[in-house]
Amino acid sequence: MDQDAGWTDYEAGATLGGEGSQGGLVVRDQGFRGNLRLTYEADEARSFHSITCGIAGWLRHPRFFDNAGDAARAFEEMKPALEELGARLTEGGPRSTADGQAAGPLLAAFVVRFS
């Protein structure tokens, strides 16, 4: 099975080359089923590479790297984990306090794993 199945360029690539949320240039930006997103930013002058992963309504988590190789590997490694986490959460965010409380340990485990 294709590892990238379902992942497509976010906004058809319109964000590429723009400034990202962490201050680098967006070099890769992909979404999955409208609620998951991975954005890779880089600034070689600062040896800066970041990946921000998100789940609509639930999570926005940046990671930082000092080289492109590690960042590119992490980008691919995070896809299946983000898909798995997204599948366990209510689409669009918590609908109740209980939803949020149940998701807390799942979100925390993801952030710890990918910090």
Protein backbone atom coordinates (compact mmCIF):
# COMPACT_ATOMS: atom_id res chain seq x y z
CA MET A 1 0.00 0.00 0.00
CA ASP A 2 1.23 3.51 -0.85
CA GLN A 3 2.42 5.22 2.34
CA ASP A 4 1.09 8.58 1.09
CA ALA A 5 -2.38 7.27 0.20
CA GLY A 6 -4.79 10.05 1.01
CA TRP A 7 -2.16 12.72 1.69
CA THR A 8 -2.32 15.60 -0.81
CA ASP A 9 -0.78 19.02 -1.20
CA TYR A 10 -2.56 21.41 1.14
CA GLU A 11 -4.58 24.02 -0.78
CA ALA A 12 -3.20 22.51 -4.01
CA GLY A 13 0.29 23.74 -3.11
CA ALA A 14 -0.70 27.41 -2.70
CA THR A 15 1.08 27.63 0.66
CA LEU A 16 4.47 26.49 -0.68
CA GLY A 17 7.12 29.20 -0.59
CA GLY A 18 5.18 31.33 1.86
CA GLU A 19 6.13 32.06 5.44
CA GLY A 20 4.99 29.41 7.88
CA SER A 21 3.76 29.75 11.44
CA GLN A 22 7.26 29.08 12.81
CA GLY A 23 8.97 31.75 10.68
CA GLY A 24 10.49 29.54 7.99
CA LEU A 25 9.55 29.09 4.36
CA VAL A 26 6.99 26.38 3.72
CA VAL A 27 8.71 23.70 1.63
CA ARG A 28 6.16 20.95 2.08
CA ASP A 29 2.55 21.14 3.21
CA GLN A 30 0.18 18.19 3.07
CA GLY A 31 -3.28 17.40 4.33
CA PHE A 32 -5.25 14.22 4.87
CA ARG A 33 -9.05 14.02 4.56
CA GLY A 34 -9.48 17.69 5.42
CA ASN A 35 -8.69 17.38 9.12
CA LEU A 36 -5.00 16.37 9.37
CA ARG A 37 -2.08 18.52 8.26
CA LEU A 38 1.72 18.39 8.23
CA THR A 39 3.69 21.52 7.33
CA TYR A 40 7.46 21.48 6.87
CA GLU A 41 9.28 24.81 7.06
CA ALA A 42 12.96 25.49 6.53
CA ASP A 43 15.47 28.33 6.72
CA GLU A 44 18.89 26.99 5.75
CA ALA A 45 20.58 30.26 6.79
CA ARG A 46 19.61 29.45 10.38
CA SER A 47 19.89 25.63 10.08
CA PHE A 48 16.21 25.72 10.97
CA HIS A 49 13.71 23.04 10.07
CA SER A 50 10.30 22.57 11.65
CA ILE A 51 7.30 20.38 11.17
CA THR A 52 3.96 21.47 12.52
CA CYS A 53 1.34 18.77 12.70
CA GLY A 54 -2.30 19.44 13.26
CA ILE A 55 -5.65 17.82 13.77
CA ALA A 56 -8.52 20.25 13.21
CA GLY A 57 -10.08 21.22 16.52
CA TRP A 58 -7.64 19.17 18.57
CA LEU A 59 -3.93 19.67 18.07
CA ARG A 60 -1.26 21.96 16.69
CA HIS A 61 2.20 20.68 17.59
CA PRO A 62 5.52 22.00 16.21
CA ARG A 63 8.76 20.00 16.17
CA PHE A 64 12.20 21.45 15.46
CA PHE A 65 15.24 19.98 13.72
CA ASP A 66 18.72 21.20 12.81
CA ASN A 67 18.98 19.38 9.47
CA ALA A 68 16.82 18.57 6.47
CA GLY A 69 17.41 14.81 6.59
CA ASP A 70 16.00 14.37 10.08
CA ALA A 71 13.07 16.66 9.31
CA ALA A 72 12.20 14.83 6.08
CA ARG A 73 12.29 11.45 7.85
CA ALA A 74 10.12 12.75 10.70
CA PHE A 75 7.60 14.18 8.23
CA GLU A 76 7.04 10.69 6.80
CA GLU A 77 7.15 8.93 10.19
CA MET A 78 4.46 11.20 11.60
CA LYS A 79 1.90 10.51 8.85
CA PRO A 80 0.67 7.08 10.02
CA ALA A 81 0.76 8.12 13.68
CA LEU A 82 -1.25 11.26 12.94
CA GLU A 83 -3.76 9.23 10.91
CA GLU A 84 -4.15 6.75 13.78
CA LEU A 85 -4.63 9.52 16.34
CA GLY A 86 -7.07 11.38 14.11
CA ALA A 87 -9.16 8.24 13.68
CA ARG A 88 -9.57 7.98 17.46
CA LEU A 89 -10.80 11.55 17.93
CA THR A 90 -14.17 13.15 17.24
CA GLU A 91 -13.90 14.98 13.91
CA GLY A 92 -13.63 18.75 14.33
CA GLY A 93 -12.85 18.75 18.03
CA PRO A 94 -14.48 17.73 21.29
CA ARG A 95 -18.25 17.79 21.43
CA SER A 96 -18.34 17.49 25.20
CA THR A 97 -16.13 17.75 28.25
CA ALA A 98 -16.01 13.96 28.30
CA ASP A 99 -14.67 13.93 24.71
CA GLY A 100 -11.89 16.29 25.72
CA GLN A 101 -11.03 14.34 28.84
CA ALA A 102 -10.94 11.04 26.95
CA ALA A 103 -8.67 12.54 24.29
CA GLY A 104 -6.19 14.05 26.77
CA PRO A 105 -4.05 10.93 27.25
CA LEU A 106 -4.07 10.18 23.50
CA LEU A 107 -2.92 13.69 22.63
CA ALA A 108 -0.32 13.71 25.38
CA ALA A 109 1.13 10.39 24.24
CA PHE A 110 1.43 11.69 20.66
CA VAL A 111 3.15 14.91 21.77
CA VAL A 112 5.59 12.99 23.99
CA ARG A 113 6.38 10.53 21.21
CA PHE A 114 6.96 13.31 18.68
CA SER A 115 8.78 15.94 20.73
